[in-house]
Each structure stands twice: as C-alpha cells, then as structure tokens.
Amino acid sequence: MQQLRDTASQLMILNDEIAQIYSRYQNDRKLFCRSGCGQCCLHPGIEASVLEMLPLALHLYDTGLAESTLDALQQHDHDQAGCFFYQATSEDRKSGQCGVYPYRPAVCRMFGAAGYRGREGEVLLSVCKVIRADAPEAVIATEQSLSSETPPMMRNHKAQIAQLDYELSKENMPIKQATAAALEKVLTKAYYAGLV
C-alpha cells in the first residue's frame, strides 16, 4: 500500500507542475476557459489511466468513501454523458464544476489549449470549441505562432506520468472505468495489507 501512496504523491507533484505549465501558456496566449464551463466534462470520450486516478482512489479510501464510490460507479447509468464527478449547475448541464478538482487527472489539467503532433509530424493546437468561439483572434494568433513557439505538448506530459508506473499507466480508458480500476487496486491492496 505504501508503494501506491508514494507513487500517488509523486504524481500529485507532477500534476501540479503540469497544471502550472498549461495554465501559464493559456494565460500568455489569452486562451482562457470560460468561468464555470463544464462542456469538456460532458464529453464521453475523455480518458485517463488507472495511475492518473490513483490519488483520487487513495483519497476516497482515506475518507471512507472508496467502497460506496465504487458501488456508485458500477451503478452509474452508462448512457449518461459526462464525467461521474462532474457537478452540473445549469439545466443544460453545460455549467458546473468538478467534484474532485484537486484529484482530477492530467487530461483535465492539460485541457483547454495544448499542442499535439499532426500526421506529418507538425505541431498543431488542440483547443476546445468554447475557447475557439470566445477568443477567435487569440486562437488565430496562437496557431500562427506554432512554428516559432511550441505549446506544451500533451504527449510529453503523458510520457512523464507513465515513467512513474508503466503498468498502471499503459492503458487509457474512460475516466469512470479508470477510477473504478484504481479503487479496486487500492481496496485489494488494503485488504491484503490487513491480513499481514
């Protein structure tokens, strides 16, 4: 269990560094997320690794919520779009907040505006449609600067995370599934630690 805790601590430090890098870039380029916007949280294709969800799983275990959260995840309607931890504050669900913000995975920390490689190896800008609509001039200026100013690259930061534990980071899956797997890992380790 201590090894999981050590890995999670290292990941939280790395997550904070990643969040600062992306936030700084987005602020410098004037590519701000709309306050209270939760549209990315409604996307069913957002994925994370079990490793990325490990800090949350340990937090839920430490607060006595691991088993009930695992049960709720397993009962959660598969057809309901969006992240299980998203707390909508509007009827259309487009406004809201993260219920586990300090423990959100790296993909949530990198989202908004970041770099990725295209088919020809060129650097492209990944930017959400809300930011694109809110700040079209900033998006155009940023896209024009890509040849001289490389944005933070999602792939590089995912690779840094994978170095902490290849086995737990080798597969991305929907956040709900990754959280359930992380909770199962923590509960199993805790169970066997209790037998010693």
Protein backbone atom coordinates (compact mmCIF):
# COMPACT_ATOMS: atom_id res chain seq x y z
CA MET A 1 0.00 0.00 0.00
CA GLN A 2 2.89 2.35 0.78
CA GLN A 3 4.21 1.98 -2.76
CA LEU A 4 0.84 3.15 -4.13
CA ARG A 5 0.91 6.11 -1.76
CA ASP A 6 4.46 7.04 -2.78
CA THR A 7 3.56 6.85 -6.47
CA ALA A 8 0.42 8.93 -5.91
CA SER A 9 2.44 11.57 -4.03
CA GLN A 10 4.94 11.80 -6.89
CA LEU A 11 2.06 12.07 -9.36
CA MET A 12 0.38 14.89 -7.41
CA ILE A 13 3.64 16.88 -7.51
CA LEU A 14 3.95 16.25 -11.26
CA ASN A 15 0.26 17.11 -11.78
CA ASP A 16 0.77 20.48 -10.08
CA GLU A 17 3.76 21.20 -12.33
CA ILE A 18 1.76 20.20 -15.43
CA ALA A 19 -1.19 22.37 -14.40
CA GLN A 20 1.10 25.37 -13.92
CA ILE A 21 2.76 24.89 -17.32
CA TYR A 22 -0.56 24.69 -19.17
CA SER A 23 -2.14 27.50 -17.17
CA ARG A 24 0.84 29.78 -17.84
CA TYR A 25 0.75 29.04 -21.57
CA GLN A 26 -3.01 29.57 -21.80
CA ASN A 27 -2.79 32.83 -19.86
CA ASP A 28 0.12 34.08 -22.00
CA ARG A 29 -1.81 33.26 -25.19
CA LYS A 30 -5.13 34.65 -23.81
CA LEU A 31 -6.84 31.28 -24.27
CA PHE A 32 -8.95 31.22 -21.12
CA CYS A 33 -11.56 28.67 -20.14
CA ARG A 34 -14.95 30.25 -19.61
CA SER A 35 -15.70 30.58 -15.90
CA GLY A 36 -17.92 27.71 -14.73
CA CYS A 37 -17.84 25.99 -18.12
CA GLY A 38 -18.25 22.24 -17.89
CA GLN A 39 -18.70 21.30 -21.52
CA CYS A 40 -15.48 19.28 -21.66
CA CYS A 41 -16.70 17.33 -18.62
CA LEU A 42 -19.76 16.23 -20.61
CA HIS A 43 -17.69 14.64 -23.37
CA PRO A 44 -18.00 10.83 -23.18
CA GLY A 45 -14.60 10.23 -24.78
CA ILE A 46 -12.41 11.74 -22.06
CA GLU A 47 -9.95 9.08 -20.93
CA ALA A 48 -7.35 8.62 -18.22
CA SER A 49 -5.09 5.86 -16.97
CA VAL A 50 -5.54 3.97 -13.72
CA LEU A 51 -2.39 5.74 -12.49
CA GLU A 52 -3.97 9.17 -13.08
CA MET A 53 -6.95 8.17 -10.93
CA LEU A 54 -4.83 6.66 -8.13
CA PRO A 55 -4.60 9.85 -5.99
CA LEU A 56 -8.40 10.14 -6.06
CA ALA A 57 -8.82 6.46 -5.18
CA LEU A 58 -6.49 6.83 -2.19
CA HIS A 59 -8.29 9.99 -1.07
CA LEU A 60 -11.64 8.19 -1.25
CA TYR A 61 -10.17 5.25 0.68
CA ASP A 62 -8.75 7.55 3.38
CA THR A 63 -12.10 9.32 3.79
CA GLY A 64 -14.05 6.06 3.97
CA LEU A 65 -15.76 6.59 0.61
CA ALA A 66 -13.93 4.07 -1.58
CA GLU A 67 -16.46 1.23 -1.43
CA SER A 68 -19.55 3.44 -1.76
CA THR A 69 -17.97 5.32 -4.68
CA LEU A 70 -17.05 2.06 -6.39
CA ASP A 71 -20.65 0.85 -5.96
CA ALA A 72 -21.99 4.16 -7.33
CA LEU A 73 -19.63 3.99 -10.32
CA GLN A 74 -20.85 0.48 -11.10
CA GLN A 75 -24.50 1.57 -10.81
CA HIS A 76 -24.00 4.79 -12.79
CA ASP A 77 -26.09 4.99 -15.94
CA HIS A 78 -23.84 4.07 -18.86
CA ASP A 79 -25.89 6.29 -21.17
CA GLN A 80 -25.43 9.43 -19.07
CA ALA A 81 -22.87 11.58 -20.79
CA GLY A 82 -20.02 13.08 -18.92
CA CYS A 83 -17.74 12.54 -16.04
CA PHE A 84 -19.17 10.83 -12.98
CA PHE A 85 -17.63 13.53 -10.75
CA TYR A 86 -19.00 16.50 -12.70
CA GLN A 87 -21.50 18.57 -10.73
CA ALA A 88 -23.76 20.46 -13.15
CA THR A 89 -25.14 23.81 -12.01
CA SER A 90 -27.38 24.52 -15.00
CA GLU A 91 -30.31 22.68 -16.53
CA ASP A 92 -28.47 22.13 -19.81
CA ARG A 93 -25.52 20.76 -17.75
CA LYS A 94 -23.06 22.99 -19.65
CA SER A 95 -22.16 24.90 -16.50
CA GLY A 96 -20.81 23.23 -13.41
CA GLN A 97 -17.74 22.21 -11.52
CA CYS A 98 -15.54 19.25 -10.76
CA GLY A 99 -16.46 17.49 -7.53
CA VAL A 100 -12.91 16.16 -7.11
CA TYR A 101 -10.92 19.08 -8.55
CA PRO A 102 -7.67 18.61 -6.55
CA TYR A 103 -7.57 14.96 -7.68
CA ARG A 104 -8.56 15.44 -11.35
CA PRO A 105 -6.48 13.51 -13.89
CA ALA A 106 -3.79 15.03 -16.09
CA VAL A 107 -6.07 15.24 -19.12
CA CYS A 108 -8.24 17.72 -17.22
CA ARG A 109 -5.18 19.76 -16.27
CA MET A 110 -3.97 19.88 -19.88
CA PHE A 111 -7.32 20.61 -21.46
CA GLY A 112 -8.17 23.98 -22.96
CA ALA A 113 -5.20 24.70 -25.18
CA ALA A 114 -2.24 22.43 -25.76
CA GLY A 115 -0.07 21.02 -28.51
CA TYR A 116 -0.09 17.73 -30.35
CA ARG A 117 1.59 16.31 -33.45
CA GLY A 118 -0.28 16.01 -36.75
CA ARG A 119 0.07 13.24 -39.31
CA GLU A 120 3.08 14.90 -40.89
CA GLY A 121 4.75 15.48 -37.51
CA GLU A 122 3.77 19.14 -37.47
CA VAL A 123 2.78 20.83 -34.21
CA LEU A 124 -0.93 21.58 -34.03
CA LEU A 125 -3.05 23.37 -31.46
CA SER A 126 -5.66 21.43 -29.55
CA VAL A 127 -8.18 23.97 -28.35
CA CYS A 128 -11.74 23.46 -27.17
CA LYS A 129 -14.61 24.82 -29.24
CA VAL A 130 -15.74 27.13 -26.42
CA ILE A 131 -12.35 28.86 -26.27
CA ARG A 132 -12.27 28.93 -30.07
CA ALA A 133 -15.66 30.75 -30.06
CA ASP A 134 -14.79 33.06 -27.14
CA ALA A 135 -11.31 34.10 -28.33
CA PRO A 136 -11.05 33.63 -32.12
CA GLU A 137 -8.31 36.24 -32.53
CA ALA A 138 -6.17 34.66 -29.80
CA VAL A 139 -6.64 31.22 -31.37
CA ILE A 140 -5.58 32.50 -34.81
CA ALA A 141 -2.55 34.31 -33.34
CA THR A 142 -1.55 31.21 -31.40
CA GLU A 143 -1.92 28.94 -34.44
CA GLN A 144 0.23 31.34 -36.46
CA SER A 145 2.94 31.24 -33.78
CA LEU A 146 3.21 27.44 -33.65
CA SER A 147 6.26 27.32 -35.92
CA SER A 148 8.23 29.59 -33.59
CA GLU A 149 6.65 28.87 -30.19
CA THR A 150 5.85 25.27 -29.36
CA PRO A 151 2.98 24.90 -26.90
CA PRO A 152 3.11 22.41 -24.03
CA MET A 153 2.76 19.02 -25.66
CA MET A 154 0.23 16.61 -24.16
CA ARG A 155 2.16 13.57 -25.31
CA ASN A 156 5.32 14.68 -23.45
CA HIS A 157 3.49 15.11 -20.18
CA LYS A 158 1.65 11.81 -20.53
CA ALA A 159 5.09 10.20 -21.02
CA GLN A 160 6.36 11.83 -17.81
CA ILE A 161 3.40 10.38 -15.93
CA ALA A 162 3.96 6.94 -17.44
CA GLN A 163 7.52 6.91 -16.07
CA LEU A 164 6.10 6.80 -12.54
CA ASP A 165 4.45 3.41 -13.10
CA TYR A 166 4.28 1.90 -16.57
CA GLU A 167 1.87 -0.88 -15.58
CA LEU A 168 -0.77 1.48 -14.15
CA SER A 169 -0.39 3.97 -17.00
CA LYS A 170 -0.16 1.72 -20.04
CA GLU A 171 -3.84 1.92 -20.96
CA ASN A 172 -6.22 4.86 -21.19
CA MET A 173 -9.91 4.23 -20.60
CA PRO A 174 -12.99 6.31 -19.80
CA ILE A 175 -12.47 8.20 -16.53
CA LYS A 176 -15.27 6.27 -14.82
CA GLN A 177 -13.66 2.94 -15.71
CA ALA A 178 -10.16 4.14 -14.76
CA THR A 179 -11.45 5.36 -11.38
CA ALA A 180 -13.19 2.04 -10.71
CA ALA A 181 -9.98 0.14 -11.55
CA ALA A 182 -7.93 2.44 -9.28
CA LEU A 183 -10.41 1.94 -6.44
CA GLU A 184 -10.30 -1.84 -6.90
CA LYS A 185 -6.49 -1.72 -6.80
CA VAL A 186 -6.47 0.32 -3.58
CA LEU A 187 -9.15 -1.79 -1.88
CA THR A 188 -7.37 -5.01 -2.84
CA LYS A 189 -4.01 -3.74 -1.53
CA ALA A 190 -5.69 -2.55 1.68
CA TYR A 191 -7.41 -5.90 2.15
CA TYR A 192 -4.20 -7.89 1.77
CA ALA A 193 -2.26 -5.42 3.92
CA GLY A 194 -4.84 -6.05 6.67
CA LEU A 195 -4.17 -9.80 6.54
CA VAL A 196 -0.46 -9.38 7.29
